[in-house]
Amino acid sequence: MLRAADRLPEDSAVDPERRAKADLSKEVHFATKTLVALQRVSSAVWRRRARLRASD
């Protein structure tokens, strides 16, 4: 799952020189705000479902 800190501007994400200078891992990549929001909602739903199952 992406964290807010993992969201990069596209030009920074695809520039190997900038990535090396910032010491970014391969897991950190460009993501649109829409994608980040969808991933956060999906993660929250799955966590909620897991808690509900655990409480049964």
Foldseek 3Di string as FASTA:
>chain_A
DDDPVLADDQVCQPDPVNCVVVVHDPVRHHDDPVRVVVVVVVVVVVVVVVVVVVVD
